[in-house]
C-alpha atoms as a PDB file:
ATOM      1  CA  MET A   1       8.400  43.042 -36.581  1.00  0.00           C
ATOM      2  CA  ARG A   2       5.713  40.371 -36.962  1.00  0.00           C
ATOM      3  CA  ALA A   3       6.336  40.188 -40.706  1.00  0.00           C
ATOM      4  CA  ALA A   4      10.056  39.704 -40.116  1.00  0.00           C
ATOM      5  CA  PHE A   5       9.361  36.948 -37.592  1.00  0.00           C
ATOM      6  CA  ALA A   6       7.026  35.202 -40.030  1.00  0.00           C
ATOM      7  CA  THR A   7       9.638  35.362 -42.793  1.00  0.00           C
ATOM      8  CA  LEU A   8      12.329  33.963 -40.499  1.00  0.00           C
ATOM      9  CA  LEU A   9      10.024  31.185 -39.315  1.00  0.00           C
ATOM     10  CA  ALA A  10       9.114  30.257 -42.877  1.00  0.00           C
ATOM     11  CA  CYS A  11      12.793  30.079 -43.842  1.00  0.00           C
ATOM     12  CA  LEU A  12      13.604  27.859 -40.879  1.00  0.00           C
ATOM     13  CA  LEU A  13      10.774  25.515 -41.774  1.00  0.00           C
ATOM     14  CA  CYS A  14      11.967  25.282 -45.353  1.00  0.00           C
ATOM     15  CA  LEU A  15      15.497  24.482 -44.249  1.00  0.00           C
ATOM     16  CA  THR A  16      14.437  21.800 -41.790  1.00  0.00           C
ATOM     17  CA  ALA A  17      11.485  20.319 -43.661  1.00  0.00           C
ATOM     18  CA  ALA A  18      11.286  16.546 -44.107  1.00  0.00           C
ATOM     19  CA  PRO A  19       8.591  14.235 -45.488  1.00  0.00           C
ATOM     20  CA  ALA A  20       5.271  15.139 -43.870  1.00  0.00           C
ATOM     21  CA  THR A  21       4.302  11.605 -42.862  1.00  0.00           C
ATOM     22  CA  ALA A  22       7.155  10.515 -40.606  1.00  0.00           C
ATOM     23  CA  ALA A  23       6.539   7.363 -38.561  1.00  0.00           C
ATOM     24  CA  THR A  24       5.974   8.064 -34.896  1.00  0.00           C
ATOM     25  CA  THR A  25       8.521   5.466 -33.819  1.00  0.00           C
ATOM     26  CA  THR A  26      11.136   7.022 -36.072  1.00  0.00           C
ATOM     27  CA  CYS A  27      10.399  10.487 -34.693  1.00  0.00           C
ATOM     28  CA  ALA A  28      10.667   9.292 -31.105  1.00  0.00           C
ATOM     29  CA  ASN A  29      13.972   7.577 -31.857  1.00  0.00           C
ATOM     30  CA  THR A  30      15.663  10.263 -33.931  1.00  0.00           C
ATOM     31  CA  LEU A  31      14.075  13.331 -32.289  1.00  0.00           C
ATOM     32  CA  THR A  32      14.483  15.119 -35.614  1.00  0.00           C
ATOM     33  CA  CYS A  33      10.918  15.415 -36.914  1.00  0.00           C
ATOM     34  CA  THR A  34       9.821  18.958 -37.655  1.00  0.00           C
ATOM     35  CA  ALA A  35       6.539  20.660 -36.910  1.00  0.00           C
ATOM     36  CA  GLU A  36       5.621  20.063 -40.545  1.00  0.00           C
ATOM     37  CA  ASP A  37       6.218  16.336 -40.084  1.00  0.00           C
ATOM     38  CA  ILE A  38       4.067  16.315 -36.969  1.00  0.00           C
ATOM     39  CA  ASN A  39       1.352  18.296 -38.736  1.00  0.00           C
ATOM     40  CA  GLY A  40       1.114  15.378 -41.162  1.00  0.00           C
ATOM     41  CA  MET A  41       0.383  12.919 -38.350  1.00  0.00           C
ATOM     42  CA  THR A  42      -3.081  11.849 -37.290  1.00  0.00           C
ATOM     43  CA  ILE A  43      -4.107  12.525 -33.701  1.00  0.00           C
ATOM     44  CA  ALA A  44      -3.707   8.818 -32.923  1.00  0.00           C
ATOM     45  CA  GLN A  45      -0.152   8.946 -34.263  1.00  0.00           C
ATOM     46  CA  ARG A  46       0.624  12.029 -32.182  1.00  0.00           C
ATOM     47  CA  LEU A  47      -0.675  10.321 -29.075  1.00  0.00           C
ATOM     48  CA  ALA A  48       1.593   7.358 -29.785  1.00  0.00           C
ATOM     49  CA  PHE A  49       4.456   9.791 -30.429  1.00  0.00           C
ATOM     50  CA  VAL A  50       4.066  11.559 -27.070  1.00  0.00           C
ATOM     51  CA  ARG A  51       3.859   8.252 -25.236  1.00  0.00           C
ATOM     52  CA  ALA A  52       6.960   6.992 -27.036  1.00  0.00           C
ATOM     53  CA  LEU A  53       8.850  10.161 -26.101  1.00  0.00           C
ATOM     54  CA  SER A  54       7.897   9.719 -22.450  1.00  0.00           C
ATOM     55  CA  ALA A  55       8.705   6.024 -22.285  1.00  0.00           C
ATOM     56  CA  GLY A  56      11.913   6.280 -24.298  1.00  0.00           C
ATOM     57  CA  PRO A  57      14.260   9.266 -24.542  1.00  0.00           C
ATOM     58  CA  ALA A  58      12.642  11.354 -21.794  1.00  0.00           C
ATOM     59  CA  ALA A  59      12.830   8.418 -19.388  1.00  0.00           C
ATOM     60  CA  ASP A  60      16.565   8.260 -20.071  1.00  0.00           C
ATOM     61  CA  ILE A  61      16.877  11.797 -18.717  1.00  0.00           C
ATOM     62  CA  VAL A  62      14.518  11.531 -15.726  1.00  0.00           C
ATOM     63  CA  PRO A  63      14.405   7.809 -14.873  1.00  0.00           C
ATOM     64  CA  GLY A  64      11.728   6.792 -12.416  1.00  0.00           C
ATOM     65  CA  TYR A  65       9.574   9.861 -12.951  1.00  0.00           C
ATOM     66  CA  ALA A  66       5.995   9.564 -14.153  1.00  0.00           C
ATOM     67  CA  PRO A  67       5.484  10.735 -17.765  1.00  0.00           C
ATOM     68  CA  ARG A  68       5.652  14.527 -17.842  1.00  0.00           C
ATOM     69  CA  TRP A  69       3.136  15.108 -20.642  1.00  0.00           C
ATOM     70  CA  ARG A  70       0.162  12.985 -19.664  1.00  0.00           C
ATOM     71  CA  ASN A  71      -1.999  16.111 -19.606  1.00  0.00           C
ATOM     72  CA  ILE A  72      -1.120  16.661 -23.268  1.00  0.00           C
ATOM     73  CA  GLU A  73      -2.151  13.059 -23.895  1.00  0.00           C
ATOM     74  CA  GLY A  74      -5.516  13.940 -22.372  1.00  0.00           C
ATOM     75  CA  VAL A  75      -5.927  16.872 -24.750  1.00  0.00           C
ATOM     76  CA  LEU A  76      -5.027  14.661 -27.708  1.00  0.00           C
ATOM     77  CA  ARG A  77      -7.651  12.145 -26.604  1.00  0.00           C
ATOM     78  CA  PHE A  78     -10.147  15.010 -26.521  1.00  0.00           C
ATOM     79  CA  PHE A  79      -9.138  16.040 -30.054  1.00  0.00           C
ATOM     80  CA  ALA A  80      -9.793  12.477 -31.183  1.00  0.00           C
ATOM     81  CA  ASP A  81     -13.189  12.455 -29.446  1.00  0.00           C
ATOM     82  CA  ARG A  82     -14.252  15.671 -31.190  1.00  0.00           C
ATOM     83  CA  GLU A  83     -12.509  14.907 -34.501  1.00  0.00           C
ATOM     84  CA  LEU A  84     -10.309  17.995 -34.243  1.00  0.00           C
ATOM     85  CA  GLY A  85      -6.731  18.463 -35.419  1.00  0.00           C
ATOM     86  CA  GLU A  86      -6.807  17.267 -39.011  1.00  0.00           C
ATOM     87  CA  PRO A  87      -3.492  18.035 -40.779  1.00  0.00           C
ATOM     88  CA  GLY A  88      -3.368  21.586 -42.077  1.00  0.00           C
ATOM     89  CA  THR A  89      -5.867  22.995 -39.590  1.00  0.00           C
ATOM     90  CA  TRP A  90      -5.176  25.671 -36.994  1.00  0.00           C
ATOM     91  CA  VAL A  91      -5.451  23.122 -34.179  1.00  0.00           C
ATOM     92  CA  SER A  92      -3.023  20.816 -35.959  1.00  0.00           C
ATOM     93  CA  TYR A  93      -0.335  23.445 -36.480  1.00  0.00           C
ATOM     94  CA  VAL A  94      -0.555  24.734 -32.908  1.00  0.00           C
ATOM     95  CA  ASP A  95      -0.313  21.210 -31.546  1.00  0.00           C
ATOM     96  CA  ALA A  96       2.588  20.446 -33.882  1.00  0.00           C
ATOM     97  CA  GLY A  97       4.490  23.417 -32.476  1.00  0.00           C
ATOM     98  CA  ILE A  98       3.979  22.114 -28.949  1.00  0.00           C
ATOM     99  CA  LEU A  99       5.102  18.581 -29.759  1.00  0.00           C
ATOM    100  CA  GLU A 100       8.111  19.735 -31.767  1.00  0.00           C
ATOM    101  CA  GLY A 101       9.217  21.841 -28.802  1.00  0.00           C
ATOM    102  CA  ILE A 102       9.041  18.814 -26.505  1.00  0.00           C
ATOM    103  CA  GLU A 103      10.885  16.599 -28.972  1.00  0.00           C
ATOM    104  CA  ARG A 104      13.704  19.065 -29.537  1.00  0.00           C
ATOM    105  CA  GLY A 105      13.878  19.840 -25.819  1.00  0.00           C
ATOM    106  CA  ILE A 106      14.550  16.172 -25.144  1.00  0.00           C
ATOM    107  CA  ALA A 107      17.241  16.151 -27.831  1.00  0.00           C
ATOM    108  CA  LEU A 108      18.916  19.185 -26.281  1.00  0.00           C
ATOM    109  CA  ALA A 109      18.690  17.767 -22.762  1.00  0.00           C
ATOM    110  CA  ARG A 110      20.306  14.510 -23.891  1.00  0.00           C
ATOM    111  CA  GLY A 111      23.075  16.408 -25.632  1.00  0.00           C
ATOM    112  CA  ASP A 112      22.165  15.023 -29.055  1.00  0.00           C
ATOM    113  CA  SER A 113      22.122  18.442 -30.683  1.00  0.00           C
ATOM    114  CA  THR A 114      22.002  22.171 -30.076  1.00  0.00           C
ATOM    115  CA  ASP A 115      19.466  22.772 -32.857  1.00  0.00           C
ATOM    116  CA  THR A 116      16.101  24.032 -31.607  1.00  0.00           C
ATOM    117  CA  PHE A 117      14.578  23.988 -35.125  1.00  0.00           C
ATOM    118  CA  GLY A 118      13.694  27.610 -34.394  1.00  0.00           C
ATOM    119  CA  ASN A 119      11.213  26.560 -31.706  1.00  0.00           C
ATOM    120  CA  PRO A 120      11.713  28.745 -28.602  1.00  0.00           C
ATOM    121  CA  GLY A 121      10.080  26.124 -26.406  1.00  0.00           C
ATOM    122  CA  ALA A 122      12.860  23.610 -27.056  1.00  0.00           C
ATOM    123  CA  SER A 123      15.466  25.241 -24.815  1.00  0.00           C
ATOM    124  CA  LEU A 124      12.873  25.718 -22.064  1.00  0.00           C
ATOM    125  CA  TRP A 125      11.844  22.059 -22.219  1.00  0.00           C
ATOM    126  CA  ALA A 126      15.521  21.084 -22.088  1.00  0.00           C
ATOM    127  CA  SER A 127      15.999  23.262 -19.018  1.00  0.00           C
ATOM    128  CA  TYR A 128      12.868  21.781 -17.445  1.00  0.00           C
ATOM    129  CA  LEU A 129      14.094  18.214 -17.916  1.00  0.00           C
ATOM    130  CA  THR A 130      17.632  18.816 -16.697  1.00  0.00           C
ATOM    131  CA  ARG A 131      16.439  20.767 -13.660  1.00  0.00           C
ATOM    132  CA  LEU A 132      13.946  18.012 -12.886  1.00  0.00           C
ATOM    133  CA  ARG A 133      16.722  15.420 -13.183  1.00  0.00           C
ATOM    134  CA  ASP A 134      18.947  17.447 -10.867  1.00  0.00           C
ATOM    135  CA  GLY A 135      16.261  17.802  -8.191  1.00  0.00           C
ATOM    136  CA  ARG A 136      15.802  21.537  -8.681  1.00  0.00           C
ATOM    137  CA  LEU A 137      12.056  21.346  -9.355  1.00  0.00           C
ATOM    138  CA  SER A 138      10.996  19.533  -6.199  1.00  0.00           C
ATOM    139  CA  LEU A 139       8.676  22.348  -5.106  1.00  0.00           C
ATOM    140  CA  ARG A 140       5.379  21.994  -6.942  1.00  0.00           C
ATOM    141  CA  SER A 141       5.064  25.741  -7.590  1.00  0.00           C
ATOM    142  CA  VAL A 142       8.560  25.888  -9.110  1.00  0.00           C
ATOM    143  CA  HIS A 143       7.929  22.750 -11.151  1.00  0.00           C
ATOM    144  CA  ASP A 144       4.610  23.946 -12.523  1.00  0.00           C
ATOM    145  CA  ARG A 145       6.023  27.334 -13.495  1.00  0.00           C
ATOM    146  CA  ALA A 146       8.877  25.725 -15.439  1.00  0.00           C
ATOM    147  CA  TRP A 147       6.519  23.310 -17.198  1.00  0.00           C
ATOM    148  CA  SER A 148       4.071  26.067 -18.086  1.00  0.00           C
ATOM    149  CA  GLU A 149       6.713  28.441 -19.416  1.00  0.00           C
ATOM    150  CA  ALA A 150       8.047  25.742 -21.729  1.00  0.00           C
ATOM    151  CA  GLU A 151       4.617  24.864 -23.062  1.00  0.00           C
ATOM    152  CA  GLN A 152       3.668  28.525 -23.426  1.00  0.00           C
ATOM    153  CA  ALA A 153       6.661  29.210 -25.662  1.00  0.00           C
ATOM    154  CA  SER A 154       5.986  26.118 -27.782  1.00  0.00           C
ATOM    155  CA  THR A 155       2.300  26.985 -28.045  1.00  0.00           C
ATOM    156  CA  GLU A 156       2.944  30.541 -29.190  1.00  0.00           C
ATOM    157  CA  TYR A 157       5.344  29.180 -31.791  1.00  0.00           C
ATOM    158  CA  GLY A 158       2.592  26.850 -33.012  1.00  0.00           C
ATOM    159  CA  VAL A 159       0.148  29.756 -33.251  1.00  0.00           C
ATOM    160  CA  ALA A 160       2.675  31.715 -35.324  1.00  0.00           C
ATOM    161  CA  LEU A 161       3.202  28.670 -37.524  1.00  0.00           C
ATOM    162  CA  ALA A 162      -0.527  28.413 -38.186  1.00  0.00           C
ATOM    163  CA  GLU A 163      -1.401  32.060 -38.591  1.00  0.00           C
ATOM    164  CA  ARG A 164       1.707  33.805 -39.919  1.00  0.00           C
ATOM    165  CA  VAL A 165       3.362  31.079 -41.951  1.00  0.00           C
ATOM    166  CA  HIS A 166       0.371  29.131 -43.264  1.00  0.00           C
ATOM    167  CA  GLY A 167      -2.310  31.795 -43.012  1.00  0.00           C
ATOM    168  CA  VAL A 168      -4.713  29.546 -41.102  1.00  0.00           C
ATOM    169  CA  ALA A 169      -6.832  31.313 -38.500  1.00  0.00           C
ATOM    170  CA  ALA A 170      -8.659  29.831 -35.545  1.00  0.00           C
ATOM    171  CA  THR A 171     -12.420  29.599 -35.700  1.00  0.00           C
ATOM    172  CA  PRO A 172     -14.271  31.616 -33.040  1.00  0.00           C
ATOM    173  CA  VAL A 173     -14.863  28.419 -31.052  1.00  0.00           C
ATOM    174  CA  GLU A 174     -11.205  27.412 -31.330  1.00  0.00           C
ATOM    175  CA  GLU A 175     -10.108  30.875 -30.216  1.00  0.00           C
ATOM    176  CA  ARG A 176     -12.340  30.720 -27.147  1.00  0.00           C
ATOM    177  CA  PHE A 177     -11.092  27.209 -26.384  1.00  0.00           C
ATOM    178  CA  TYR A 178      -7.527  28.474 -26.740  1.00  0.00           C
ATOM    179  CA  GLN A 179      -8.203  31.129 -24.105  1.00  0.00           C
ATOM    180  CA  PHE A 180      -9.129  28.367 -21.660  1.00  0.00           C
ATOM    181  CA  SER A 181      -5.760  26.736 -22.369  1.00  0.00           C
ATOM    182  CA  GLU A 182      -4.078  30.079 -21.725  1.00  0.00           C
ATOM    183  CA  PHE A 183      -5.800  30.244 -18.351  1.00  0.00           C
ATOM    184  CA  TYR A 184      -4.631  26.699 -17.567  1.00  0.00           C
ATOM    185  CA  ARG A 185      -1.005  27.628 -18.235  1.00  0.00           C
ATOM    186  CA  TRP A 186      -1.410  30.868 -16.276  1.00  0.00           C
ATOM    187  CA  THR A 187      -2.713  28.839 -13.335  1.00  0.00           C
ATOM    188  CA  LEU A 188       0.366  26.622 -13.414  1.00  0.00           C
ATOM    189  CA  ARG A 189       2.707  29.611 -13.562  1.00  0.00           C
ATOM    190  CA  ASN A 190       0.992  31.377 -10.681  1.00  0.00           C
ATOM    191  CA  ARG A 191       0.481  28.548  -8.239  1.00  0.00           C
ATOM    192  CA  PRO A 192       0.766  30.007  -4.685  1.00  0.00           C
ATOM    193  CA  MET A 193       3.907  28.810  -2.934  1.00  0.00           C
ATOM    194  CA  LEU A 194       1.950  28.375   0.302  1.00  0.00           C
ATOM    195  CA  LEU A 195       0.166  25.421  -1.285  1.00  0.00           C
ATOM    196  CA  ASP A 196       3.515  23.643  -1.440  1.00  0.00           C
ATOM    197  CA  LEU A 197       3.127  23.068   2.294  1.00  0.00           C
ATOM    198  CA  LEU A 198       0.176  20.778   1.537  1.00  0.00           C
ATOM    199  CA  THR A 199       1.663  19.081  -1.501  1.00  0.00           C
ATOM    200  CA  PRO A 200       4.298  16.331  -1.582  1.00  0.00           C
ATOM    201  CA  PRO A 201       7.565  17.296  -3.295  1.00  0.00           C
ATOM    202  CA  VAL A 202       7.838  16.513  -6.987  1.00  0.00           C
ATOM    203  CA  GLY A 203       9.881  13.360  -7.371  1.00  0.00           C
ATOM    204  CA  PRO A 204      10.053   9.932  -8.980  1.00  0.00           C
ATOM    205  CA  GLY A 205       7.044   7.641  -8.953  1.00  0.00           C
ATOM    206  CA  ASP A 206       3.326   8.322  -8.785  1.00  0.00           C
ATOM    207  CA  GLN A 207       2.198  10.959  -6.309  1.00  0.00           C
ATOM    208  CA  ARG A 208      -1.114  11.468  -4.571  1.00  0.00           C
ATOM    209  CA  GLN A 209      -3.042  14.683  -5.110  1.00  0.00           C
ATOM    210  CA  LEU A 210      -5.306  16.168  -2.447  1.00  0.00           C
ATOM    211  CA  THR A 211      -6.779  19.513  -3.504  1.00  0.00           C
ATOM    212  CA  PHE A 212      -8.733  19.974  -6.715  1.00  0.00           C
ATOM    213  CA  LEU A 213      -6.093  22.430  -7.944  1.00  0.00           C
ATOM    214  CA  ASP A 214      -3.331  19.866  -7.410  1.00  0.00           C
ATOM    215  CA  TRP A 215      -5.290  17.206  -9.261  1.00  0.00           C
ATOM    216  CA  PHE A 216      -6.457  19.428 -12.103  1.00  0.00           C
ATOM    217  CA  THR A 217      -2.970  20.802 -12.817  1.00  0.00           C
ATOM    218  CA  ASP A 218      -1.127  17.491 -12.427  1.00  0.00           C
ATOM    219  CA  VAL A 219       0.828  17.154 -15.674  1.00  0.00           C
ATOM    220  CA  THR A 220       1.301  13.423 -15.063  1.00  0.00           C
ATOM    221  CA  ASN A 221      -2.442  12.701 -15.211  1.00  0.00           C
ATOM    222  CA  ASP A 222      -4.399  12.634 -18.471  1.00  0.00           C
ATOM    223  CA  VAL A 223      -7.873  12.501 -16.910  1.00  0.00           C
ATOM    224  CA  PRO A 224      -8.247  16.147 -15.756  1.00  0.00           C
ATOM    225  CA  ALA A 225      -7.010  17.488 -19.098  1.00  0.00           C
ATOM    226  CA  HIS A 226      -9.282  15.134 -21.041  1.00  0.00           C
ATOM    227  CA  ARG A 227     -12.389  15.931 -19.025  1.00  0.00           C
ATOM    228  CA  GLY A 228     -11.469  19.606 -18.676  1.00  0.00           C
ATOM    229  CA  SER A 229     -10.986  19.979 -22.424  1.00  0.00           C
ATOM    230  CA  HIS A 230     -14.470  18.644 -23.066  1.00  0.00           C
ATOM    231  CA  LEU A 231     -15.871  21.136 -20.567  1.00  0.00           C
ATOM    232  CA  ALA A 232     -13.882  24.031 -22.035  1.00  0.00           C
ATOM    233  CA  TYR A 233     -14.962  23.211 -25.583  1.00  0.00           C
ATOM    234  CA  ASP A 234     -18.614  23.016 -24.560  1.00  0.00           C
ATOM    235  CA  LEU A 235     -18.294  26.429 -22.926  1.00  0.00           C
ATOM    236  CA  ALA A 236     -16.550  27.747 -26.040  1.00  0.00           C
ATOM    237  CA  GLU A 237     -19.525  26.536 -28.081  1.00  0.00           C
ATOM    238  CA  PHE A 238     -21.978  28.020 -25.539  1.00  0.00           C
ATOM    239  CA  ASP A 239     -23.337  24.494 -25.110  1.00  0.00           C
ATOM    240  CA  VAL A 240     -24.970  24.750 -21.682  1.00  0.00           C
ATOM    241  CA  PRO A 241     -26.363  21.183 -21.463  1.00  0.00           C
ATOM    242  CA  GLY A 242     -23.094  19.649 -22.640  1.00  0.00           C
ATOM    243  CA  GLY A 243     -21.080  21.915 -20.367  1.00  0.00           C
ATOM    244  CA  THR A 244     -23.199  20.955 -17.375  1.00  0.00           C
ATOM    245  CA  LEU A 245     -22.715  17.257 -18.029  1.00  0.00           C
ATOM    246  CA  ASN A 246     -18.975  17.632 -18.507  1.00  0.00           C
ATOM    247  CA  PHE A 247     -18.705  19.814 -15.394  1.00  0.00           C
ATOM    248  CA  LEU A 248     -20.280  16.996 -13.399  1.00  0.00           C
ATOM    249  CA  ALA A 249     -18.057  14.437 -15.136  1.00  0.00           C
ATOM    250  CA  LEU A 250     -14.951  16.448 -14.245  1.00  0.00           C
ATOM    251  CA  PHE A 251     -15.778  16.556 -10.549  1.00  0.00           C
ATOM    252  CA  ALA A 252     -16.863  12.916 -10.571  1.00  0.00           C
ATOM    253  CA  ALA A 253     -13.412  12.042 -11.909  1.00  0.00           C
ATOM    254  CA  TYR A 254     -11.826  14.073  -9.097  1.00  0.00           C
ATOM    255  CA  ALA A 255     -13.965  12.273  -6.519  1.00  0.00           C
ATOM    256  CA  ASP A 256     -12.940   8.925  -8.001  1.00  0.00           C
ATOM    257  CA  ALA A 257      -9.277   9.924  -7.746  1.00  0.00           C
ATOM    258  CA  LEU A 258      -9.666  10.923  -4.098  1.00  0.00           C
ATOM    259  CA  ALA A 259     -11.433   7.676  -3.296  1.00  0.00           C
ATOM    260  CA  GLU A 260      -8.760   5.621  -5.018  1.00  0.00           C
ATOM    261  CA  ASP A 261      -5.923   7.396  -3.202  1.00  0.00           C
ATOM    262  CA  TYR A 262      -7.366   7.876   0.271  1.00  0.00           C
ATOM    263  CA  LEU A 263     -10.166   5.394   0.938  1.00  0.00           C
ATOM    264  CA  PRO A 264      -9.425   1.785   1.896  1.00  0.00           C
ATOM    265  CA  ALA A 265      -9.997  -0.717  -0.877  1.00  0.00           C
END
């Protein structure tokens, strides 16, 4: 079964392949760049690509909403800090699968196309955006589950792209780091509904976060993902001093956010 999936995925990539160094502005405008194109981008280009998607075509679908992938921006900033994600690496292919899913999801949600490029996350991202637009994700627990399910599908596609199509395996550190990302998505999917009583409904504009869980899993904030990724990678490397410092930095960032939102200037 896995071999058949890998063969199908390879065929789809061959059919949809385009030059591997597509400009980020072109990708954000056309929404037709493949995972192979995105794999050819630098991390800085991918960061610009995600921001362009949020500010451009995604904003057409959900006007007034804060960018929905700021947490992914935070992870990309972390990749840049640690010099991870060079084209052709396991990290690069997994990330490319995620970003392709978002891109094609936007295209589907806008009605530009029905082609998912074989990425199972695309239809879930399209559903996420249209449900958000229609006010059906106002409960934080429902919103976070929909977001997580879309990213999970795109991520697993990226893993298959790396390992089954290109034969690139994760290093032990990358695999342990990946398990932290799995836990993050699991946390989003399993947010207790009772916490919705303490959390403002999901809607347009910036929203305050009170509990650490709300802040840490806020997809519209790049700081928790950036700081949390550094902590997770230190733990994956068994770097106790670095992990301790980044643990303190993570909670300092949370304290700063609380002070900014709730204390008088």
